[in-house]
Each structure stands twice: as structure tokens, then as C-alpha cells.
All heavy atoms as atom14 arrays in JSON, in Angstrom:
{
  "sequence": "LNPLLTNDKAVNSMRHRVIWRMPKKPYLSAPIKTDKMPPGIPFIV",
  "atom14_mask": [
    [1, 1, 1, 1, 1, 1, 1, 1, 0, 0, 0, 0, 0, 0],
    [1, 1, 1, 1, 1, 1, 1, 1, 0, 0, 0, 0, 0, 0],
    [1, 1, 1, 1, 1, 1, 1, 0, 0, 0, 0, 0, 0, 0],
    [1, 1, 1, 1, 1, 1, 1, 1, 0, 0, 0, 0, 0, 0],
    [1, 1, 1, 1, 1, 1, 1, 1, 0, 0, 0, 0, 0, 0],
    [1, 1, 1, 1, 1, 1, 1, 0, 0, 0, 0, 0, 0, 0],
    [1, 1, 1, 1, 1, 1, 1, 1, 0, 0, 0, 0, 0, 0],
    [1, 1, 1, 1, 1, 1, 1, 1, 0, 0, 0, 0, 0, 0],
    [1, 1, 1, 1, 1, 1, 1, 1, 1, 0, 0, 0, 0, 0],
    [1, 1, 1, 1, 1, 0, 0, 0, 0, 0, 0, 0, 0, 0],
    [1, 1, 1, 1, 1, 1, 1, 0, 0, 0, 0, 0, 0, 0],
    [1, 1, 1, 1, 1, 1, 1, 1, 0, 0, 0, 0, 0, 0],
    [1, 1, 1, 1, 1, 1, 0, 0, 0, 0, 0, 0, 0, 0],
    [1, 1, 1, 1, 1, 1, 1, 1, 0, 0, 0, 0, 0, 0],
    [1, 1, 1, 1, 1, 1, 1, 1, 1, 1, 1, 0, 0, 0],
    [1, 1, 1, 1, 1, 1, 1, 1, 1, 1, 0, 0, 0, 0],
    [1, 1, 1, 1, 1, 1, 1, 1, 1, 1, 1, 0, 0, 0],
    [1, 1, 1, 1, 1, 1, 1, 0, 0, 0, 0, 0, 0, 0],
    [1, 1, 1, 1, 1, 1, 1, 1, 0, 0, 0, 0, 0, 0],
    [1, 1, 1, 1, 1, 1, 1, 1, 1, 1, 1, 1, 1, 1],
    [1, 1, 1, 1, 1, 1, 1, 1, 1, 1, 1, 0, 0, 0],
    [1, 1, 1, 1, 1, 1, 1, 1, 0, 0, 0, 0, 0, 0],
    [1, 1, 1, 1, 1, 1, 1, 0, 0, 0, 0, 0, 0, 0],
    [1, 1, 1, 1, 1, 1, 1, 1, 1, 0, 0, 0, 0, 0],
    [1, 1, 1, 1, 1, 1, 1, 1, 1, 0, 0, 0, 0, 0],
    [1, 1, 1, 1, 1, 1, 1, 0, 0, 0, 0, 0, 0, 0],
    [1, 1, 1, 1, 1, 1, 1, 1, 1, 1, 1, 1, 0, 0],
    [1, 1, 1, 1, 1, 1, 1, 1, 0, 0, 0, 0, 0, 0],
    [1, 1, 1, 1, 1, 1, 0, 0, 0, 0, 0, 0, 0, 0],
    [1, 1, 1, 1, 1, 0, 0, 0, 0, 0, 0, 0, 0, 0],
    [1, 1, 1, 1, 1, 1, 1, 0, 0, 0, 0, 0, 0, 0],
    [1, 1, 1, 1, 1, 1, 1, 1, 0, 0, 0, 0, 0, 0],
    [1, 1, 1, 1, 1, 1, 1, 1, 1, 0, 0, 0, 0, 0],
    [1, 1, 1, 1, 1, 1, 1, 0, 0, 0, 0, 0, 0, 0],
    [1, 1, 1, 1, 1, 1, 1, 1, 0, 0, 0, 0, 0, 0],
    [1, 1, 1, 1, 1, 1, 1, 1, 1, 0, 0, 0, 0, 0],
    [1, 1, 1, 1, 1, 1, 1, 1, 0, 0, 0, 0, 0, 0],
    [1, 1, 1, 1, 1, 1, 1, 0, 0, 0, 0, 0, 0, 0],
    [1, 1, 1, 1, 1, 1, 1, 0, 0, 0, 0, 0, 0, 0],
    [1, 1, 1, 1, 0, 0, 0, 0, 0, 0, 0, 0, 0, 0],
    [1, 1, 1, 1, 1, 1, 1, 1, 0, 0, 0, 0, 0, 0],
    [1, 1, 1, 1, 1, 1, 1, 0, 0, 0, 0, 0, 0, 0],
    [1, 1, 1, 1, 1, 1, 1, 1, 1, 1, 1, 0, 0, 0],
    [1, 1, 1, 1, 1, 1, 1, 1, 0, 0, 0, 0, 0, 0],
    [1, 1, 1, 1, 1, 1, 1, 0, 0, 0, 0, 0, 0, 0]
  ],
  "atom14_positions": [
    [[88.05, 96.39, 212.09], [86.77, 97.08, 212.01], [85.67, 96.19, 211.44], [84.48, 96.4, 211.68], [86.9, 98.34, 211.15], [87.89, 99.39, 211.69], [87.94, 100.57, 210.73], [87.46, 99.86, 213.09], [0.0, 0.0, 0.0], [0.0, 0.0, 0.0], [0.0, 0.0, 0.0], [0.0, 0.0, 0.0], [0.0, 0.0, 0.0], [0.0, 0.0, 0.0]],
    [[86.06, 95.21, 210.63], [85.11, 94.28, 210.03], [85.78, 92.93, 209.87], [86.56, 92.75, 208.93], [84.63, 94.82, 208.69], [83.48, 93.98, 208.14], [83.23, 92.88, 208.61], [82.77, 94.52, 207.14], [0.0, 0.0, 0.0], [0.0, 0.0, 0.0], [0.0, 0.0, 0.0], [0.0, 0.0, 0.0], [0.0, 0.0, 0.0], [0.0, 0.0, 0.0]],
    [[85.5, 91.97, 210.72], [86.17, 90.66, 210.66], [85.97, 89.93, 209.34], [86.71, 89.01, 209.03], [85.55, 89.88, 211.83], [84.98, 90.92, 212.73], [84.57, 92.06, 211.85], [0.0, 0.0, 0.0], [0.0, 0.0, 0.0], [0.0, 0.0, 0.0], [0.0, 0.0, 0.0], [0.0, 0.0, 0.0], [0.0, 0.0, 0.0], [0.0, 0.0, 0.0]],
    [[84.93, 90.29, 208.58], [84.7, 89.63, 207.31], [85.66, 90.11, 206.24], [85.77, 89.5, 205.18], [83.26, 89.87, 206.85], [82.16, 89.29, 207.76], [80.79, 89.65, 207.22], [82.32, 87.79, 207.89], [0.0, 0.0, 0.0], [0.0, 0.0, 0.0], [0.0, 0.0, 0.0], [0.0, 0.0, 0.0], [0.0, 0.0, 0.0], [0.0, 0.0, 0.0]],
    [[86.34, 91.24, 206.49], [87.29, 91.77, 205.53], [88.71, 91.57, 206.02], [88.96, 91.5, 207.21], [87.03, 93.29, 205.29], [85.65, 93.67, 204.73], [85.55, 95.18, 204.6], [85.45, 93.04, 203.36], [0.0, 0.0, 0.0], [0.0, 0.0, 0.0], [0.0, 0.0, 0.0], [0.0, 0.0, 0.0], [0.0, 0.0, 0.0], [0.0, 0.0, 0.0]],
    [[89.63, 91.5, 205.13], [91.04, 91.42, 205.48], [91.74, 92.65, 204.97], [91.18, 93.48, 204.26], [91.69, 90.16, 204.85], [91.84, 90.41, 203.46], [90.84, 88.93, 205.06], [0.0, 0.0, 0.0], [0.0, 0.0, 0.0], [0.0, 0.0, 0.0], [0.0, 0.0, 0.0], [0.0, 0.0, 0.0], [0.0, 0.0, 0.0], [0.0, 0.0, 0.0]],
    [[93.0, 92.79, 205.35], [93.8, 93.9, 204.86], [94.48, 93.56, 203.54], [95.24, 94.37, 203.01], [94.87, 94.27, 205.91], [94.23, 94.87, 207.16], [93.28, 95.65, 207.04], [94.72, 94.51, 208.33], [0.0, 0.0, 0.0], [0.0, 0.0, 0.0], [0.0, 0.0, 0.0], [0.0, 0.0, 0.0], [0.0, 0.0, 0.0], [0.0, 0.0, 0.0]],
    [[94.19, 92.38, 203.03], [94.75, 91.96, 201.76], [93.79, 92.39, 200.64], [92.7, 91.89, 200.5], [94.91, 90.41, 201.75], [95.69, 89.94, 200.54], [95.54, 90.56, 199.47], [96.41, 88.94, 200.67], [0.0, 0.0, 0.0], [0.0, 0.0, 0.0], [0.0, 0.0, 0.0], [0.0, 0.0, 0.0], [0.0, 0.0, 0.0], [0.0, 0.0, 0.0]],
    [[94.19, 93.37, 199.82], [93.32, 93.92, 198.79], [92.95, 92.88, 197.77], [91.82, 92.87, 197.25], [94.02, 95.11, 198.12], [94.19, 96.31, 199.03], [94.82, 97.47, 198.26], [94.96, 98.7, 199.16], [95.55, 99.83, 198.43], [0.0, 0.0, 0.0], [0.0, 0.0, 0.0], [0.0, 0.0, 0.0], [0.0, 0.0, 0.0], [0.0, 0.0, 0.0]],
    [[93.86, 91.99, 197.44], [93.57, 90.96, 196.44], [92.49, 90.03, 196.92], [91.57, 89.67, 196.18], [94.84, 90.19, 196.1], [0.0, 0.0, 0.0], [0.0, 0.0, 0.0], [0.0, 0.0, 0.0], [0.0, 0.0, 0.0], [0.0, 0.0, 0.0], [0.0, 0.0, 0.0], [0.0, 0.0, 0.0], [0.0, 0.0, 0.0], [0.0, 0.0, 0.0]],
    [[92.58, 89.63, 198.22], [91.57, 88.73, 198.78], [90.21, 89.43, 198.83], [89.17, 88.86, 198.49], [92.0, 88.25, 200.18], [90.88, 87.43, 200.84], [93.27, 87.44, 200.09], [0.0, 0.0, 0.0], [0.0, 0.0, 0.0], [0.0, 0.0, 0.0], [0.0, 0.0, 0.0], [0.0, 0.0, 0.0], [0.0, 0.0, 0.0], [0.0, 0.0, 0.0]],
    [[90.19, 90.69, 199.29], [88.94, 91.42, 199.36], [88.31, 91.61, 197.97], [87.09, 91.48, 197.8], [89.16, 92.8, 199.99], [89.36, 92.7, 201.49], [88.88, 91.76, 202.11], [90.06, 93.65, 202.07], [0.0, 0.0, 0.0], [0.0, 0.0, 0.0], [0.0, 0.0, 0.0], [0.0, 0.0, 0.0], [0.0, 0.0, 0.0], [0.0, 0.0, 0.0]],
    [[89.13, 91.91, 196.98], [88.63, 92.1, 195.62], [88.01, 90.81, 195.09], [86.94, 90.84, 194.47], [89.77, 92.56, 194.7], [89.31, 92.7, 193.39], [0.0, 0.0, 0.0], [0.0, 0.0, 0.0], [0.0, 0.0, 0.0], [0.0, 0.0, 0.0], [0.0, 0.0, 0.0], [0.0, 0.0, 0.0], [0.0, 0.0, 0.0], [0.0, 0.0, 0.0]],
    [[88.67, 89.68, 195.35], [88.13, 88.4, 194.9], [86.81, 88.1, 195.6], [85.84, 87.65, 194.98], [89.15, 87.29, 195.19], [88.69, 85.92, 194.68], [89.94, 84.65, 194.99], [91.28, 85.26, 193.96], [0.0, 0.0, 0.0], [0.0, 0.0, 0.0], [0.0, 0.0, 0.0], [0.0, 0.0, 0.0], [0.0, 0.0, 0.0], [0.0, 0.0, 0.0]],
    [[86.74, 88.39, 196.91], [85.51, 88.13, 197.67], [84.35, 88.96, 197.12], [83.23, 88.49, 196.97], [85.72, 88.41, 199.16], [84.47, 88.14, 200.0], [84.71, 88.43, 201.46], [85.54, 87.39, 202.04], [86.75, 87.6, 202.58], [87.27, 88.8, 202.56], [87.42, 86.61, 203.1], [0.0, 0.0, 0.0], [0.0, 0.0, 0.0], [0.0, 0.0, 0.0]],
    [[84.65, 90.24, 196.81], [83.59, 91.1, 196.26], [83.1, 90.61, 194.93], [81.9, 90.67, 194.64], [84.13, 92.54, 196.13], [84.3, 93.23, 197.45], [85.14, 94.3, 197.63], [83.74, 93.0, 198.66], [85.1, 94.69, 198.88], [84.25, 93.9, 199.53], [0.0, 0.0, 0.0], [0.0, 0.0, 0.0], [0.0, 0.0, 0.0], [0.0, 0.0, 0.0]],
    [[84.0, 90.11, 194.1], [83.59, 89.61, 192.79], [82.71, 88.36, 192.93], [81.74, 88.18, 192.2], [84.82, 89.29, 191.92], [85.53, 90.53, 191.39], [86.42, 90.15, 190.21], [87.46, 89.22, 190.59], [88.66, 89.58, 191.05], [88.95, 90.87, 191.17], [89.55, 88.68, 191.36], [0.0, 0.0, 0.0], [0.0, 0.0, 0.0], [0.0, 0.0, 0.0]],
    [[83.06, 87.51, 193.89], [82.29, 86.3, 194.11], [80.88, 86.65, 194.6], [79.87, 86.13, 194.1], [82.98, 85.38, 195.14], [82.05, 84.24, 195.55], [84.27, 84.83, 194.55], [0.0, 0.0, 0.0], [0.0, 0.0, 0.0], [0.0, 0.0, 0.0], [0.0, 0.0, 0.0], [0.0, 0.0, 0.0], [0.0, 0.0, 0.0], [0.0, 0.0, 0.0]],
    [[80.79, 87.62, 195.56], [79.5, 88.03, 196.08], [78.67, 88.68, 194.99], [77.47, 88.45, 194.84], [79.68, 88.99, 197.29], [80.32, 88.23, 198.46], [78.33, 89.6, 197.71], [80.67, 89.12, 199.63], [0.0, 0.0, 0.0], [0.0, 0.0, 0.0], [0.0, 0.0, 0.0], [0.0, 0.0, 0.0], [0.0, 0.0, 0.0], [0.0, 0.0, 0.0]],
    [[79.29, 89.53, 194.16], [78.59, 90.24, 193.1], [78.01, 89.28, 192.06], [76.94, 89.52, 191.52], [79.57, 91.23, 192.45], [78.94, 92.03, 191.35], [79.08, 91.83, 190.0], [78.08, 93.15, 191.48], [78.36, 92.76, 189.3], [77.73, 93.58, 190.18], [77.56, 93.84, 192.58], [76.91, 94.68, 189.96], [76.72, 94.92, 192.34], [76.41, 95.33, 191.05]],
    [[78.76, 88.2, 191.83], [78.33, 87.27, 190.79], [77.45, 86.15, 191.3], [77.07, 85.26, 190.53], [79.57, 86.65, 190.11], [80.38, 87.67, 189.32], [81.63, 87.05, 188.74], [82.42, 88.02, 188.0], [83.61, 87.76, 187.45], [84.13, 86.54, 187.56], [84.26, 88.71, 186.82], [0.0, 0.0, 0.0], [0.0, 0.0, 0.0], [0.0, 0.0, 0.0]],
    [[77.12, 86.19, 192.6], [76.24, 85.15, 193.13], [74.88, 85.25, 192.43], [74.32, 86.33, 192.26], [76.05, 85.32, 194.64], [77.26, 84.93, 195.46], [77.0, 85.19, 197.22], [75.67, 84.03, 197.53], [0.0, 0.0, 0.0], [0.0, 0.0, 0.0], [0.0, 0.0, 0.0], [0.0, 0.0, 0.0], [0.0, 0.0, 0.0], [0.0, 0.0, 0.0]],
    [[74.35, 84.14, 191.97], [73.07, 84.18, 191.25], [71.93, 84.65, 192.14], [71.88, 84.33, 193.33], [72.86, 82.72, 190.8], [73.65, 81.92, 191.78], [74.85, 82.76, 192.14], [0.0, 0.0, 0.0], [0.0, 0.0, 0.0], [0.0, 0.0, 0.0], [0.0, 0.0, 0.0], [0.0, 0.0, 0.0], [0.0, 0.0, 0.0], [0.0, 0.0, 0.0]],
    [[71.02, 85.47, 191.55], [69.86, 85.92, 192.3], [68.87, 84.78, 192.46], [68.85, 83.84, 191.69], [69.19, 87.07, 191.54], [70.03, 88.32, 191.44], [69.27, 89.42, 190.71], [70.1, 90.68, 190.59], [69.4, 91.75, 189.86], [0.0, 0.0, 0.0], [0.0, 0.0, 0.0], [0.0, 0.0, 0.0], [0.0, 0.0, 0.0], [0.0, 0.0, 0.0]],
    [[68.04, 84.92, 193.5], [67.01, 83.91, 193.74], [66.05, 83.93, 192.57], [65.54, 84.98, 192.19], [66.27, 84.24, 195.05], [65.25, 83.18, 195.44], [64.61, 83.56, 196.77], [63.56, 82.52, 197.15], [62.91, 82.88, 198.45], [0.0, 0.0, 0.0], [0.0, 0.0, 0.0], [0.0, 0.0, 0.0], [0.0, 0.0, 0.0], [0.0, 0.0, 0.0]],
    [[65.78, 82.79, 191.97], [64.92, 82.77, 190.77], [63.46, 83.06, 191.13], [62.99, 82.7, 192.21], [65.09, 81.36, 190.23], [65.48, 80.55, 191.43], [66.29, 81.45, 192.31], [0.0, 0.0, 0.0], [0.0, 0.0, 0.0], [0.0, 0.0, 0.0], [0.0, 0.0, 0.0], [0.0, 0.0, 0.0], [0.0, 0.0, 0.0], [0.0, 0.0, 0.0]],
    [[62.77, 83.7, 190.2], [61.33, 83.93, 190.35], [60.57, 82.66, 190.0], [61.03, 81.83, 189.22], [60.87, 85.05, 189.43], [61.38, 86.42, 189.8], [61.73, 87.35, 188.82], [61.51, 86.82, 191.13], [62.18, 88.62, 189.14], [61.97, 88.07, 191.46], [62.31, 88.97, 190.46], [62.75, 90.22, 190.8], [0.0, 0.0, 0.0], [0.0, 0.0, 0.0]],
    [[59.4, 82.51, 190.6], [58.53, 81.39, 190.25], [57.94, 81.63, 188.86], [57.49, 82.73, 188.55], [57.4, 81.26, 191.27], [57.81, 80.95, 192.72], [56.61, 81.01, 193.66], [58.46, 79.57, 192.8], [0.0, 0.0, 0.0], [0.0, 0.0, 0.0], [0.0, 0.0, 0.0], [0.0, 0.0, 0.0], [0.0, 0.0, 0.0], [0.0, 0.0, 0.0]],
    [[57.93, 80.61, 188.03], [57.44, 80.76, 186.67], [56.19, 79.92, 186.4], [55.62, 79.98, 185.3], [58.52, 80.36, 185.66], [58.94, 79.01, 185.88], [0.0, 0.0, 0.0], [0.0, 0.0, 0.0], [0.0, 0.0, 0.0], [0.0, 0.0, 0.0], [0.0, 0.0, 0.0], [0.0, 0.0, 0.0], [0.0, 0.0, 0.0], [0.0, 0.0, 0.0]],
    [[55.74, 79.15, 187.4], [54.53, 78.34, 187.23], [53.83, 78.22, 188.59], [54.49, 78.25, 189.63], [54.89, 76.94, 186.71], [0.0, 0.0, 0.0], [0.0, 0.0, 0.0], [0.0, 0.0, 0.0], [0.0, 0.0, 0.0], [0.0, 0.0, 0.0], [0.0, 0.0, 0.0], [0.0, 0.0, 0.0], [0.0, 0.0, 0.0], [0.0, 0.0, 0.0]],
    [[52.5, 78.12, 188.6], [51.77, 78.03, 189.87], [52.22, 76.81, 190.68], [52.5, 75.75, 190.12], [50.31, 77.89, 189.44], [50.26, 78.49, 188.08], [51.58, 78.18, 187.44], [0.0, 0.0, 0.0], [0.0, 0.0, 0.0], [0.0, 0.0, 0.0], [0.0, 0.0, 0.0], [0.0, 0.0, 0.0], [0.0, 0.0, 0.0], [0.0, 0.0, 0.0]],
    [[52.31, 76.99, 192.0], [52.68, 75.89, 192.87], [51.45, 74.99, 193.07], [50.31, 75.43, 192.98], [53.21, 76.39, 194.22], [52.14, 77.23, 194.96], [54.47, 77.21, 194.03], [52.56, 77.67, 196.33], [0.0, 0.0, 0.0], [0.0, 0.0, 0.0], [0.0, 0.0, 0.0], [0.0, 0.0, 0.0], [0.0, 0.0, 0.0], [0.0, 0.0, 0.0]],
    [[51.72, 73.7, 193.35], [50.62, 72.75, 193.53], [50.11, 72.85, 194.96], [50.76, 72.39, 195.9], [51.11, 71.35, 193.22], [51.43, 71.13, 191.74], [51.83, 69.68, 191.47], [52.13, 69.47, 189.99], [52.51, 68.08, 189.69], [0.0, 0.0, 0.0], [0.0, 0.0, 0.0], [0.0, 0.0, 0.0], [0.0, 0.0, 0.0], [0.0, 0.0, 0.0]],
    [[48.97, 73.45, 195.12], [48.34, 73.6, 196.43], [46.84, 73.78, 196.24], [46.39, 74.24, 195.19], [48.92, 74.81, 197.19], [48.25, 74.95, 198.46], [48.74, 76.09, 196.4], [0.0, 0.0, 0.0], [0.0, 0.0, 0.0], [0.0, 0.0, 0.0], [0.0, 0.0, 0.0], [0.0, 0.0, 0.0], [0.0, 0.0, 0.0], [0.0, 0.0, 0.0]],
    [[46.08, 73.38, 197.24], [44.65, 73.6, 197.19], [44.26, 74.82, 198.03], [43.08, 75.06, 198.28], [43.89, 72.36, 197.68], [44.27, 71.98, 199.1], [45.22, 72.59, 199.67], [43.63, 71.06, 199.66], [0.0, 0.0, 0.0], [0.0, 0.0, 0.0], [0.0, 0.0, 0.0], [0.0, 0.0, 0.0], [0.0, 0.0, 0.0], [0.0, 0.0, 0.0]],
    [[45.26, 75.59, 198.46], [45.03, 76.8, 199.25], [45.29, 78.04, 198.39], [45.7, 77.93, 197.23], [45.95, 76.81, 200.48], [45.69, 75.68, 201.46], [46.62, 75.79, 202.65], [46.27, 74.76, 203.73], [46.38, 73.38, 203.25], [0.0, 0.0, 0.0], [0.0, 0.0, 0.0], [0.0, 0.0, 0.0], [0.0, 0.0, 0.0], [0.0, 0.0, 0.0]],
    [[45.08, 79.2, 198.99], [45.34, 80.45, 198.28], [46.83, 80.57, 197.94], [47.68, 80.22, 198.77], [44.94, 81.64, 199.15], [43.47, 81.98, 199.11], [42.97, 82.75, 197.55], [41.21, 82.89, 197.84], [0.0, 0.0, 0.0], [0.0, 0.0, 0.0], [0.0, 0.0, 0.0], [0.0, 0.0, 0.0], [0.0, 0.0, 0.0], [0.0, 0.0, 0.0]],
    [[47.17, 81.04, 196.75], [48.58, 81.24, 196.4], [49.24, 82.24, 197.35], [48.59, 83.19, 197.79], [48.51, 81.79, 194.97], [47.18, 81.36, 194.45], [46.27, 81.34, 195.62], [0.0, 0.0, 0.0], [0.0, 0.0, 0.0], [0.0, 0.0, 0.0], [0.0, 0.0, 0.0], [0.0, 0.0, 0.0], [0.0, 0.0, 0.0], [0.0, 0.0, 0.0]],
    [[50.5, 82.06, 197.68], [51.16, 82.93, 198.67], [51.32, 84.36, 198.2], [51.53, 85.26, 199.03], [52.53, 82.26, 198.84], [52.75, 81.45, 197.6], [51.39, 80.98, 197.19], [0.0, 0.0, 0.0], [0.0, 0.0, 0.0], [0.0, 0.0, 0.0], [0.0, 0.0, 0.0], [0.0, 0.0, 0.0], [0.0, 0.0, 0.0], [0.0, 0.0, 0.0]],
    [[51.21, 84.62, 196.89], [51.39, 85.99, 196.42], [50.14, 86.85, 196.53], [50.21, 88.08, 196.44], [0.0, 0.0, 0.0], [0.0, 0.0, 0.0], [0.0, 0.0, 0.0], [0.0, 0.0, 0.0], [0.0, 0.0, 0.0], [0.0, 0.0, 0.0], [0.0, 0.0, 0.0], [0.0, 0.0, 0.0], [0.0, 0.0, 0.0], [0.0, 0.0, 0.0]],
    [[48.97, 86.23, 196.74], [47.7, 86.97, 196.75], [47.66, 88.06, 197.84], [47.23, 89.19, 197.57], [46.51, 86.02, 196.91], [46.39, 85.12, 195.66], [45.22, 86.79, 197.13], [46.12, 85.88, 194.37], [0.0, 0.0, 0.0], [0.0, 0.0, 0.0], [0.0, 0.0, 0.0], [0.0, 0.0, 0.0], [0.0, 0.0, 0.0], [0.0, 0.0, 0.0]],
    [[48.09, 87.8, 199.09], [48.04, 88.87, 200.11], [48.83, 90.12, 199.71], [48.43, 91.23, 200.04], [48.64, 88.19, 201.35], [48.39, 86.74, 201.16], [48.52, 86.51, 199.68], [0.0, 0.0, 0.0], [0.0, 0.0, 0.0], [0.0, 0.0, 0.0], [0.0, 0.0, 0.0], [0.0, 0.0, 0.0], [0.0, 0.0, 0.0], [0.0, 0.0, 0.0]],
    [[49.94, 89.94, 199.0], [50.74, 91.09, 198.57], [50.01, 91.91, 197.51], [50.08, 93.13, 197.49], [52.1, 90.64, 198.06], [52.97, 90.02, 199.1], [52.93, 88.64, 199.34], [53.82, 90.79, 199.86], [53.73, 88.07, 200.31], [54.62, 90.22, 200.85], [54.58, 88.86, 201.06], [0.0, 0.0, 0.0], [0.0, 0.0, 0.0], [0.0, 0.0, 0.0]],
    [[49.3, 91.22, 196.62], [48.53, 91.93, 195.59], [47.35, 92.65, 196.23], [47.06, 93.81, 195.89], [48.05, 90.95, 194.51], [49.23, 90.21, 193.85], [47.24, 91.68, 193.44], [48.82, 89.15, 192.85], [0.0, 0.0, 0.0], [0.0, 0.0, 0.0], [0.0, 0.0, 0.0], [0.0, 0.0, 0.0], [0.0, 0.0, 0.0], [0.0, 0.0, 0.0]],
    [[46.67, 92.0, 197.14], [45.52, 92.61, 197.82], [45.97, 93.82, 198.63], [45.32, 94.89, 198.6], [44.79, 91.57, 198.69], [43.74, 92.26, 199.56], [44.14, 90.5, 197.83], [0.0, 0.0, 0.0], [0.0, 0.0, 0.0], [0.0, 0.0, 0.0], [0.0, 0.0, 0.0], [0.0, 0.0, 0.0], [0.0, 0.0, 0.0], [0.0, 0.0, 0.0]]
  ]
}
């Protein structure tokens, strides 16, 4: 039903833990160096 999963519960459990613990994409903490409008401005507007 789902080729990404196996019938082995131990393997599936380990895969879920790995996916759950994958680090989130970090937020930008400083302005990027550009002479154009910052990419976040259209979302704020």
C-alpha cells in the first residue's frame, strides 16, 4: 500500500524517529546582502 513503508515494525519505527528528529529549516537571523527589495516584503504587504 505504501512502498516507503515495510512490514517490519522495528524498521518503520526507526524511520519515523529519524524523520521526526530531522532538523527544521533555520530561520534567517540577519538581512541578506542585496541591493533589491528583501524577499519577505511581499508577504508582509
